[in-house]
mmCIF file of all heavy atoms, coordinates in Angstrom:
data_MODEL
# 
_entry.id   MODEL 
# 
loop_
_atom_site.group_PDB 
_atom_site.id 
_atom_site.type_symbol 
_atom_site.label_atom_id 
_atom_site.label_alt_id 
_atom_site.label_comp_id 
_atom_site.label_asym_id 
_atom_site.label_entity_id 
_atom_site.label_seq_id 
_atom_site.pdbx_PDB_ins_code 
_atom_site.Cartn_x 
_atom_site.Cartn_y 
_atom_site.Cartn_z 
_atom_site.occupancy 
_atom_site.B_iso_or_equiv 
_atom_site.pdbx_formal_charge 
_atom_site.auth_seq_id 
_atom_site.auth_comp_id 
_atom_site.auth_asym_id 
_atom_site.auth_atom_id 
_atom_site.pdbx_PDB_model_num 
ATOM 1   N N   . LEU A 1 1  ? 0.246  12.631  2.199   1.00 0.00 ? 1  LEU A N   1 
ATOM 2   C CA  . LEU A 1 1  ? 0.709  11.819  3.336   1.00 0.00 ? 1  LEU A CA  1 
ATOM 3   C C   . LEU A 1 1  ? -0.199 11.958  4.554   1.00 0.00 ? 1  LEU A C   1 
ATOM 4   O O   . LEU A 1 1  ? -0.443 10.965  5.240   1.00 0.00 ? 1  LEU A O   1 
ATOM 5   C CB  . LEU A 1 1  ? 2.144  12.222  3.678   1.00 0.00 ? 1  LEU A CB  1 
ATOM 6   C CG  . LEU A 1 1  ? 3.184  11.962  2.593   1.00 0.00 ? 1  LEU A CG  1 
ATOM 7   C CD1 . LEU A 1 1  ? 4.524  12.581  2.954   1.00 0.00 ? 1  LEU A CD1 1 
ATOM 8   C CD2 . LEU A 1 1  ? 3.301  10.483  2.321   1.00 0.00 ? 1  LEU A CD2 1 
ATOM 9   N N   . ASP A 1 2  ? -0.712 13.165  4.781   1.00 0.00 ? 2  ASP A N   1 
ATOM 10  C CA  . ASP A 1 2  ? -1.619 13.378  5.899   1.00 0.00 ? 2  ASP A CA  1 
ATOM 11  C C   . ASP A 1 2  ? -2.944 12.637  5.733   1.00 0.00 ? 2  ASP A C   1 
ATOM 12  O O   . ASP A 1 2  ? -3.617 12.335  6.729   1.00 0.00 ? 2  ASP A O   1 
ATOM 13  C CB  . ASP A 1 2  ? -1.871 14.876  6.111   1.00 0.00 ? 2  ASP A CB  1 
ATOM 14  C CG  . ASP A 1 2  ? -0.663 15.624  6.647   1.00 0.00 ? 2  ASP A CG  1 
ATOM 15  O OD1 . ASP A 1 2  ? 0.251  14.967  7.176   1.00 0.00 ? 2  ASP A OD1 1 
ATOM 16  O OD2 . ASP A 1 2  ? -0.643 16.872  6.500   1.00 0.00 ? 2  ASP A OD2 1 
ATOM 17  N N   . SER A 1 3  ? -3.294 12.331  4.508   1.00 0.00 ? 3  SER A N   1 
ATOM 18  C CA  . SER A 1 3  ? -4.583 11.653  4.236   1.00 0.00 ? 3  SER A CA  1 
ATOM 19  C C   . SER A 1 3  ? -4.491 10.132  4.441   1.00 0.00 ? 3  SER A C   1 
ATOM 20  O O   . SER A 1 3  ? -5.524 9.471   4.478   1.00 0.00 ? 3  SER A O   1 
ATOM 21  C CB  . SER A 1 3  ? -5.040 11.931  2.811   1.00 0.00 ? 3  SER A CB  1 
ATOM 22  O OG  . SER A 1 3  ? -4.287 11.186  1.856   1.00 0.00 ? 3  SER A OG  1 
ATOM 23  N N   . LEU A 1 4  ? -3.309 9.584   4.558   1.00 0.00 ? 4  LEU A N   1 
ATOM 24  C CA  . LEU A 1 4  ? -3.151 8.137   4.686   1.00 0.00 ? 4  LEU A CA  1 
ATOM 25  C C   . LEU A 1 4  ? -3.631 7.639   6.040   1.00 0.00 ? 4  LEU A C   1 
ATOM 26  O O   . LEU A 1 4  ? -3.393 8.262   7.053   1.00 0.00 ? 4  LEU A O   1 
ATOM 27  C CB  . LEU A 1 4  ? -1.678 7.733   4.477   1.00 0.00 ? 4  LEU A CB  1 
ATOM 28  C CG  . LEU A 1 4  ? -1.136 8.021   3.083   1.00 0.00 ? 4  LEU A CG  1 
ATOM 29  C CD1 . LEU A 1 4  ? 0.383  7.725   3.041   1.00 0.00 ? 4  LEU A CD1 1 
ATOM 30  C CD2 . LEU A 1 4  ? -1.856 7.251   2.006   1.00 0.00 ? 4  LEU A CD2 1 
ATOM 31  N N   . THR A 1 5  ? -4.317 6.520   5.987   1.00 0.00 ? 5  THR A N   1 
ATOM 32  C CA  . THR A 1 5  ? -4.812 5.873   7.199   1.00 0.00 ? 5  THR A CA  1 
ATOM 33  C C   . THR A 1 5  ? -4.111 4.520   7.384   1.00 0.00 ? 5  THR A C   1 
ATOM 34  O O   . THR A 1 5  ? -3.478 4.001   6.425   1.00 0.00 ? 5  THR A O   1 
ATOM 35  C CB  . THR A 1 5  ? -6.312 5.620   7.108   1.00 0.00 ? 5  THR A CB  1 
ATOM 36  O OG1 . THR A 1 5  ? -6.582 4.705   6.044   1.00 0.00 ? 5  THR A OG1 1 
ATOM 37  C CG2 . THR A 1 5  ? -7.086 6.933   6.888   1.00 0.00 ? 5  THR A CG2 1 
ATOM 38  N N   . SER A 1 6  ? -4.243 3.917   8.536   1.00 0.00 ? 6  SER A N   1 
ATOM 39  C CA  . SER A 1 6  ? -3.693 2.584   8.771   1.00 0.00 ? 6  SER A CA  1 
ATOM 40  C C   . SER A 1 6  ? -4.237 1.584   7.772   1.00 0.00 ? 6  SER A C   1 
ATOM 41  O O   . SER A 1 6  ? -3.537 0.735   7.273   1.00 0.00 ? 6  SER A O   1 
ATOM 42  C CB  . SER A 1 6  ? -3.970 2.106   10.182  1.00 0.00 ? 6  SER A CB  1 
ATOM 43  O OG  . SER A 1 6  ? -3.251 2.906   11.104  1.00 0.00 ? 6  SER A OG  1 
ATOM 44  N N   . ASP A 1 7  ? -5.538 1.702   7.455   1.00 0.00 ? 7  ASP A N   1 
ATOM 45  C CA  . ASP A 1 7  ? -6.131 0.790   6.454   1.00 0.00 ? 7  ASP A CA  1 
ATOM 46  C C   . ASP A 1 7  ? -5.463 0.877   5.124   1.00 0.00 ? 7  ASP A C   1 
ATOM 47  O O   . ASP A 1 7  ? -5.159 -0.138  4.462   1.00 0.00 ? 7  ASP A O   1 
ATOM 48  C CB  . ASP A 1 7  ? -7.637 1.025   6.324   1.00 0.00 ? 7  ASP A CB  1 
ATOM 49  C CG  . ASP A 1 7  ? -8.432 0.567   7.534   1.00 0.00 ? 7  ASP A CG  1 
ATOM 50  O OD1 . ASP A 1 7  ? -7.921 -0.301  8.314   1.00 0.00 ? 7  ASP A OD1 1 
ATOM 51  O OD2 . ASP A 1 7  ? -9.534 1.046   7.733   1.00 0.00 ? 7  ASP A OD2 1 
ATOM 52  N N   . VAL A 1 8  ? -5.178 2.088   4.683   1.00 0.00 ? 8  VAL A N   1 
ATOM 53  C CA  . VAL A 1 8  ? -4.506 2.283   3.393   1.00 0.00 ? 8  VAL A CA  1 
ATOM 54  C C   . VAL A 1 8  ? -3.080 1.749   3.487   1.00 0.00 ? 8  VAL A C   1 
ATOM 55  O O   . VAL A 1 8  ? -2.624 1.065   2.544   1.00 0.00 ? 8  VAL A O   1 
ATOM 56  C CB  . VAL A 1 8  ? -4.492 3.772   2.968   1.00 0.00 ? 8  VAL A CB  1 
ATOM 57  C CG1 . VAL A 1 8  ? -3.621 4.020   1.777   1.00 0.00 ? 8  VAL A CG1 1 
ATOM 58  C CG2 . VAL A 1 8  ? -5.915 4.268   2.742   1.00 0.00 ? 8  VAL A CG2 1 
ATOM 59  N N   . LEU A 1 9  ? -2.390 2.030   4.567   1.00 0.00 ? 9  LEU A N   1 
ATOM 60  C CA  . LEU A 1 9  ? -0.997 1.600   4.675   1.00 0.00 ? 9  LEU A CA  1 
ATOM 61  C C   . LEU A 1 9  ? -0.878 0.047   4.746   1.00 0.00 ? 9  LEU A C   1 
ATOM 62  O O   . LEU A 1 9  ? 0.183  -0.489  4.421   1.00 0.00 ? 9  LEU A O   1 
ATOM 63  C CB  . LEU A 1 9  ? -0.369 2.240   5.919   1.00 0.00 ? 9  LEU A CB  1 
ATOM 64  C CG  . LEU A 1 9  ? -0.208 3.753   5.841   1.00 0.00 ? 9  LEU A CG  1 
ATOM 65  C CD1 . LEU A 1 9  ? 0.199  4.339   7.171   1.00 0.00 ? 9  LEU A CD1 1 
ATOM 66  C CD2 . LEU A 1 9  ? 0.764  4.158   4.733   1.00 0.00 ? 9  LEU A CD2 1 
ATOM 67  N N   . LEU A 1 10 ? -1.942 -0.623  5.123   1.00 0.00 ? 10 LEU A N   1 
ATOM 68  C CA  . LEU A 1 10 ? -1.911 -2.089  5.177   1.00 0.00 ? 10 LEU A CA  1 
ATOM 69  C C   . LEU A 1 10 ? -2.328 -2.765  3.878   1.00 0.00 ? 10 LEU A C   1 
ATOM 70  O O   . LEU A 1 10 ? -2.245 -3.976  3.754   1.00 0.00 ? 10 LEU A O   1 
ATOM 71  C CB  . LEU A 1 10 ? -2.810 -2.577  6.332   1.00 0.00 ? 10 LEU A CB  1 
ATOM 72  C CG  . LEU A 1 10 ? -2.281 -2.336  7.734   1.00 0.00 ? 10 LEU A CG  1 
ATOM 73  C CD1 . LEU A 1 10 ? -3.373 -2.604  8.777   1.00 0.00 ? 10 LEU A CD1 1 
ATOM 74  C CD2 . LEU A 1 10 ? -1.035 -3.184  7.989   1.00 0.00 ? 10 LEU A CD2 1 
ATOM 75  N N   . THR A 1 11 ? -2.747 -1.983  2.895   1.00 0.00 ? 11 THR A N   1 
ATOM 76  C CA  . THR A 1 11 ? -3.132 -2.573  1.607   1.00 0.00 ? 11 THR A CA  1 
ATOM 77  C C   . THR A 1 11 ? -1.901 -2.946  0.784   1.00 0.00 ? 11 THR A C   1 
ATOM 78  O O   . THR A 1 11 ? -0.825 -2.386  0.990   1.00 0.00 ? 11 THR A O   1 
ATOM 79  C CB  . THR A 1 11 ? -4.023 -1.636  0.774   1.00 0.00 ? 11 THR A CB  1 
ATOM 80  O OG1 . THR A 1 11 ? -3.305 -0.438  0.483   1.00 0.00 ? 11 THR A OG1 1 
ATOM 81  C CG2 . THR A 1 11 ? -5.304 -1.300  1.511   1.00 0.00 ? 11 THR A CG2 1 
ATOM 82  N N   . ASP A 1 12 ? -2.085 -3.880  -0.108  1.00 0.00 ? 12 ASP A N   1 
ATOM 83  C CA  . ASP A 1 12 ? -0.979 -4.302  -0.981  1.00 0.00 ? 12 ASP A CA  1 
ATOM 84  C C   . ASP A 1 12 ? -0.602 -3.136  -1.938  1.00 0.00 ? 12 ASP A C   1 
ATOM 85  O O   . ASP A 1 12 ? -1.465 -2.495  -2.506  1.00 0.00 ? 12 ASP A O   1 
ATOM 86  C CB  . ASP A 1 12 ? -1.367 -5.488  -1.849  1.00 0.00 ? 12 ASP A CB  1 
ATOM 87  C CG  . ASP A 1 12 ? -1.477 -6.780  -1.029  1.00 0.00 ? 12 ASP A CG  1 
ATOM 88  O OD1 . ASP A 1 12 ? -0.708 -6.914  -0.037  1.00 0.00 ? 12 ASP A OD1 1 
ATOM 89  O OD2 . ASP A 1 12 ? -2.310 -7.639  -1.371  1.00 0.00 ? 12 ASP A OD2 1 
ATOM 90  N N   . LEU A 1 13 ? 0.700  -2.949  -2.087  1.00 0.00 ? 13 LEU A N   1 
ATOM 91  C CA  . LEU A 1 13 ? 1.204  -2.020  -3.092  1.00 0.00 ? 13 LEU A CA  1 
ATOM 92  C C   . LEU A 1 13 ? 1.042  -2.705  -4.459  1.00 0.00 ? 13 LEU A C   1 
ATOM 93  O O   . LEU A 1 13 ? 1.391  -3.871  -4.619  1.00 0.00 ? 13 LEU A O   1 
ATOM 94  C CB  . LEU A 1 13 ? 2.669  -1.694  -2.824  1.00 0.00 ? 13 LEU A CB  1 
ATOM 95  C CG  . LEU A 1 13 ? 3.324  -0.707  -3.765  1.00 0.00 ? 13 LEU A CG  1 
ATOM 96  C CD1 . LEU A 1 13 ? 2.658  0.668   -3.629  1.00 0.00 ? 13 LEU A CD1 1 
ATOM 97  C CD2 . LEU A 1 13 ? 4.804  -0.609  -3.508  1.00 0.00 ? 13 LEU A CD2 1 
ATOM 98  N N   . LEU A 1 14 ? 0.472  -1.975  -5.410  1.00 0.00 ? 14 LEU A N   1 
ATOM 99  C CA  . LEU A 1 14 ? 0.218  -2.559  -6.724  1.00 0.00 ? 14 LEU A CA  1 
ATOM 100 C C   . LEU A 1 14 ? 1.116  -1.967  -7.793  1.00 0.00 ? 14 LEU A C   1 
ATOM 101 O O   . LEU A 1 14 ? 1.466  -0.782  -7.738  1.00 0.00 ? 14 LEU A O   1 
ATOM 102 C CB  . LEU A 1 14 ? -1.253 -2.317  -7.098  1.00 0.00 ? 14 LEU A CB  1 
ATOM 103 C CG  . LEU A 1 14 ? -2.321 -2.827  -6.138  1.00 0.00 ? 14 LEU A CG  1 
ATOM 104 C CD1 . LEU A 1 14 ? -3.681 -2.430  -6.640  1.00 0.00 ? 14 LEU A CD1 1 
ATOM 105 C CD2 . LEU A 1 14 ? -2.212 -4.328  -5.960  1.00 0.00 ? 14 LEU A CD2 1 
ATOM 106 N N   . LEU A 1 15 ? 1.477  -2.793  -8.726  1.00 0.00 ? 15 LEU A N   1 
ATOM 107 C CA  . LEU A 1 15 ? 2.173  -2.360  -9.956  1.00 0.00 ? 15 LEU A CA  1 
ATOM 108 C C   . LEU A 1 15 ? 1.412  -2.934  -11.126 1.00 0.00 ? 15 LEU A C   1 
ATOM 109 O O   . LEU A 1 15 ? 1.290  -4.171  -11.206 1.00 0.00 ? 15 LEU A O   1 
ATOM 110 C CB  . LEU A 1 15 ? 3.630  -2.825  -9.941  1.00 0.00 ? 15 LEU A CB  1 
ATOM 111 C CG  . LEU A 1 15 ? 4.457  -2.503  -11.187 1.00 0.00 ? 15 LEU A CG  1 
ATOM 112 C CD1 . LEU A 1 15 ? 4.588  -0.977  -11.366 1.00 0.00 ? 15 LEU A CD1 1 
ATOM 113 C CD2 . LEU A 1 15 ? 5.826  -3.143  -11.124 1.00 0.00 ? 15 LEU A CD2 1 
ATOM 114 N N   . LYS A 1 16 ? 0.891  -2.057  -11.952 1.00 0.00 ? 16 LYS A N   1 
ATOM 115 C CA  . LYS A 1 16 ? 0.062  -2.520  -13.089 1.00 0.00 ? 16 LYS A CA  1 
ATOM 116 C C   . LYS A 1 16 ? -1.095 -3.380  -12.606 1.00 0.00 ? 16 LYS A C   1 
ATOM 117 O O   . LYS A 1 16 ? -1.411 -4.417  -13.232 1.00 0.00 ? 16 LYS A O   1 
ATOM 118 C CB  . LYS A 1 16 ? 0.915  -3.202  -14.131 1.00 0.00 ? 16 LYS A CB  1 
ATOM 119 C CG  . LYS A 1 16 ? 1.967  -2.320  -14.729 1.00 0.00 ? 16 LYS A CG  1 
ATOM 120 C CD  . LYS A 1 16 ? 2.756  -3.030  -15.791 1.00 0.00 ? 16 LYS A CD  1 
ATOM 121 C CE  . LYS A 1 16 ? 3.842  -2.073  -16.321 1.00 0.00 ? 16 LYS A CE  1 
ATOM 122 N NZ  . LYS A 1 16 ? 4.696  -2.674  -17.329 1.00 0.00 ? 16 LYS A NZ  1 
ATOM 123 N N   . GLY A 1 17 ? -1.669 -3.039  -11.445 1.00 0.00 ? 17 GLY A N   1 
ATOM 124 C CA  . GLY A 1 17 ? -2.823 -3.734  -10.927 1.00 0.00 ? 17 GLY A CA  1 
ATOM 125 C C   . GLY A 1 17 ? -2.524 -5.020  -10.162 1.00 0.00 ? 17 GLY A C   1 
ATOM 126 O O   . GLY A 1 17 ? -3.410 -5.678  -9.702  1.00 0.00 ? 17 GLY A O   1 
ATOM 127 N N   . LYS A 1 18 ? -1.236 -5.366  -10.011 1.00 0.00 ? 18 LYS A N   1 
ATOM 128 C CA  . LYS A 1 18 ? -0.884 -6.631  -9.361  1.00 0.00 ? 18 LYS A CA  1 
ATOM 129 C C   . LYS A 1 18 ? -0.028 -6.332  -8.124  1.00 0.00 ? 18 LYS A C   1 
ATOM 130 O O   . LYS A 1 18 ? 0.858  -5.445  -8.146  1.00 0.00 ? 18 LYS A O   1 
ATOM 131 C CB  . LYS A 1 18 ? -0.097 -7.529  -10.308 1.00 0.00 ? 18 LYS A CB  1 
ATOM 132 C CG  . LYS A 1 18 ? -0.924 -7.973  -11.512 1.00 0.00 ? 18 LYS A CG  1 
ATOM 133 C CD  . LYS A 1 18 ? -0.122 -8.901  -12.385 1.00 0.00 ? 18 LYS A CD  1 
ATOM 134 C CE  . LYS A 1 18 ? -0.995 -9.306  -13.578 1.00 0.00 ? 18 LYS A CE  1 
ATOM 135 N NZ  . LYS A 1 18 ? -0.248 -10.139 -14.518 1.00 0.00 ? 18 LYS A NZ  1 
ATOM 136 N N   . PRO A 1 19 ? -0.243 -7.076  -7.023  1.00 0.00 ? 19 PRO A N   1 
ATOM 137 C CA  . PRO A 1 19 ? 0.539  -6.891  -5.816  1.00 0.00 ? 19 PRO A CA  1 
ATOM 138 C C   . PRO A 1 19 ? 2.033  -7.131  -6.079  1.00 0.00 ? 19 PRO A C   1 
ATOM 139 O O   . PRO A 1 19 ? 2.406  -8.033  -6.837  1.00 0.00 ? 19 PRO A O   1 
ATOM 140 C CB  . PRO A 1 19 ? 0.005  -7.937  -4.816  1.00 0.00 ? 19 PRO A CB  1 
ATOM 141 C CG  . PRO A 1 19 ? -1.324 -8.321  -5.378  1.00 0.00 ? 19 PRO A CG  1 
ATOM 142 C CD  . PRO A 1 19 ? -1.257 -8.130  -6.848  1.00 0.00 ? 19 PRO A CD  1 
ATOM 143 N N   . VAL A 1 20 ? 2.874  -6.322  -5.430  1.00 0.00 ? 20 VAL A N   1 
ATOM 144 C CA  . VAL A 1 20 ? 4.309  -6.475  -5.624  1.00 0.00 ? 20 VAL A CA  1 
ATOM 145 C C   . VAL A 1 20 ? 5.005  -7.177  -4.455  1.00 0.00 ? 20 VAL A C   1 
ATOM 146 O O   . VAL A 1 20 ? 6.223  -7.359  -4.460  1.00 0.00 ? 20 VAL A O   1 
ATOM 147 C CB  . VAL A 1 20 ? 5.005  -5.084  -5.864  1.00 0.00 ? 20 VAL A CB  1 
ATOM 148 C CG1 . VAL A 1 20 ? 4.461  -4.424  -7.085  1.00 0.00 ? 20 VAL A CG1 1 
ATOM 149 C CG2 . VAL A 1 20 ? 4.866  -4.180  -4.623  1.00 0.00 ? 20 VAL A CG2 1 
ATOM 150 N N   . GLY A 1 21 ? 4.227  -7.562  -3.450  1.00 0.00 ? 21 GLY A N   1 
ATOM 151 C CA  . GLY A 1 21 ? 4.796  -8.337  -2.338  1.00 0.00 ? 21 GLY A CA  1 
ATOM 152 C C   . GLY A 1 21 ? 5.084  -7.530  -1.086  1.00 0.00 ? 21 GLY A C   1 
ATOM 153 O O   . GLY A 1 21 ? 5.793  -8.010  -0.198  1.00 0.00 ? 21 GLY A O   1 
ATOM 154 N N   . GLN A 1 22 ? 4.591  -6.328  -1.041  1.00 0.00 ? 22 GLN A N   1 
ATOM 155 C CA  . GLN A 1 22 ? 4.715  -5.517  0.175   1.00 0.00 ? 22 GLN A CA  1 
ATOM 156 C C   . GLN A 1 22 ? 3.527  -4.591  0.281   1.00 0.00 ? 22 GLN A C   1 
ATOM 157 O O   . GLN A 1 22 ? 2.816  -4.362  -0.661  1.00 0.00 ? 22 GLN A O   1 
ATOM 158 C CB  . GLN A 1 22 ? 6.015  -4.722  0.154   1.00 0.00 ? 22 GLN A CB  1 
ATOM 159 C CG  . GLN A 1 22 ? 6.149  -3.701  -0.958  1.00 0.00 ? 22 GLN A CG  1 
ATOM 160 C CD  . GLN A 1 22 ? 7.500  -2.991  -0.936  1.00 0.00 ? 22 GLN A CD  1 
ATOM 161 O OE1 . GLN A 1 22 ? 8.105  -2.836  0.114   1.00 0.00 ? 22 GLN A OE1 1 
ATOM 162 N NE2 . GLN A 1 22 ? 7.948  -2.559  -2.069  1.00 0.00 ? 22 GLN A NE2 1 
ATOM 163 N N   . THR A 1 23 ? 3.297  -4.124  1.502   1.00 0.00 ? 23 THR A N   1 
ATOM 164 C CA  . THR A 1 23 ? 2.196  -3.201  1.694   1.00 0.00 ? 23 THR A CA  1 
ATOM 165 C C   . THR A 1 23 ? 2.613  -1.783  1.362   1.00 0.00 ? 23 THR A C   1 
ATOM 166 O O   . THR A 1 23 ? 3.815  -1.490  1.249   1.00 0.00 ? 23 THR A O   1 
ATOM 167 C CB  . THR A 1 23 ? 1.699  -3.234  3.177   1.00 0.00 ? 23 THR A CB  1 
ATOM 168 O OG1 . THR A 1 23 ? 2.759  -2.746  3.990   1.00 0.00 ? 23 THR A OG1 1 
ATOM 169 C CG2 . THR A 1 23 ? 1.278  -4.623  3.616   1.00 0.00 ? 23 THR A CG2 1 
ATOM 170 N N   . VAL A 1 24 ? 1.638  -0.918  1.237   1.00 0.00 ? 24 VAL A N   1 
ATOM 171 C CA  . VAL A 1 24 ? 1.914  0.509   1.005   1.00 0.00 ? 24 VAL A CA  1 
ATOM 172 C C   . VAL A 1 24 ? 2.756  1.030   2.162   1.00 0.00 ? 24 VAL A C   1 
ATOM 173 O O   . VAL A 1 24 ? 3.746  1.769   1.931   1.00 0.00 ? 24 VAL A O   1 
ATOM 174 C CB  . VAL A 1 24 ? 0.596  1.298   0.835   1.00 0.00 ? 24 VAL A CB  1 
ATOM 175 C CG1 . VAL A 1 24 ? 0.863  2.809   0.836   1.00 0.00 ? 24 VAL A CG1 1 
ATOM 176 C CG2 . VAL A 1 24 ? -0.158 0.906   -0.408  1.00 0.00 ? 24 VAL A CG2 1 
ATOM 177 N N   . GLY A 1 25 ? 2.407  0.658   3.394   1.00 0.00 ? 25 GLY A N   1 
ATOM 178 C CA  . GLY A 1 25 ? 3.157  1.161   4.561   1.00 0.00 ? 25 GLY A CA  1 
ATOM 179 C C   . GLY A 1 25 ? 4.592  0.669   4.569   1.00 0.00 ? 25 GLY A C   1 
ATOM 180 O O   . GLY A 1 25 ? 5.512  1.443   4.847   1.00 0.00 ? 25 GLY A O   1 
ATOM 181 N N   . SER A 1 26 ? 4.840  -0.605  4.221   1.00 0.00 ? 26 SER A N   1 
ATOM 182 C CA  . SER A 1 26 ? 6.191  -1.104  4.199   1.00 0.00 ? 26 SER A CA  1 
ATOM 183 C C   . SER A 1 26 ? 6.986  -0.428  3.056   1.00 0.00 ? 26 SER A C   1 
ATOM 184 O O   . SER A 1 26 ? 8.173  -0.136  3.216   1.00 0.00 ? 26 SER A O   1 
ATOM 185 C CB  . SER A 1 26 ? 6.208  -2.628  3.993   1.00 0.00 ? 26 SER A CB  1 
ATOM 186 O OG  . SER A 1 26 ? 5.763  -3.265  5.173   1.00 0.00 ? 26 SER A OG  1 
ATOM 187 N N   . ALA A 1 27 ? 6.346  -0.185  1.919   1.00 0.00 ? 27 ALA A N   1 
ATOM 188 C CA  . ALA A 1 27 ? 7.035  0.525   0.842   1.00 0.00 ? 27 ALA A CA  1 
ATOM 189 C C   . ALA A 1 27 ? 7.392  1.912   1.273   1.00 0.00 ? 27 ALA A C   1 
ATOM 190 O O   . ALA A 1 27 ? 8.504  2.401   0.957   1.00 0.00 ? 27 ALA A O   1 
ATOM 191 C CB  . ALA A 1 27 ? 6.132  0.545   -0.388  1.00 0.00 ? 27 ALA A CB  1 
# 
């Protein structure tokens, strides 16, 4: 959790390599 950056949190959350409709941060 300490390693996460804003850039990472703004990326799409993936499931089996496909976006699920929310960002990592929103998840």
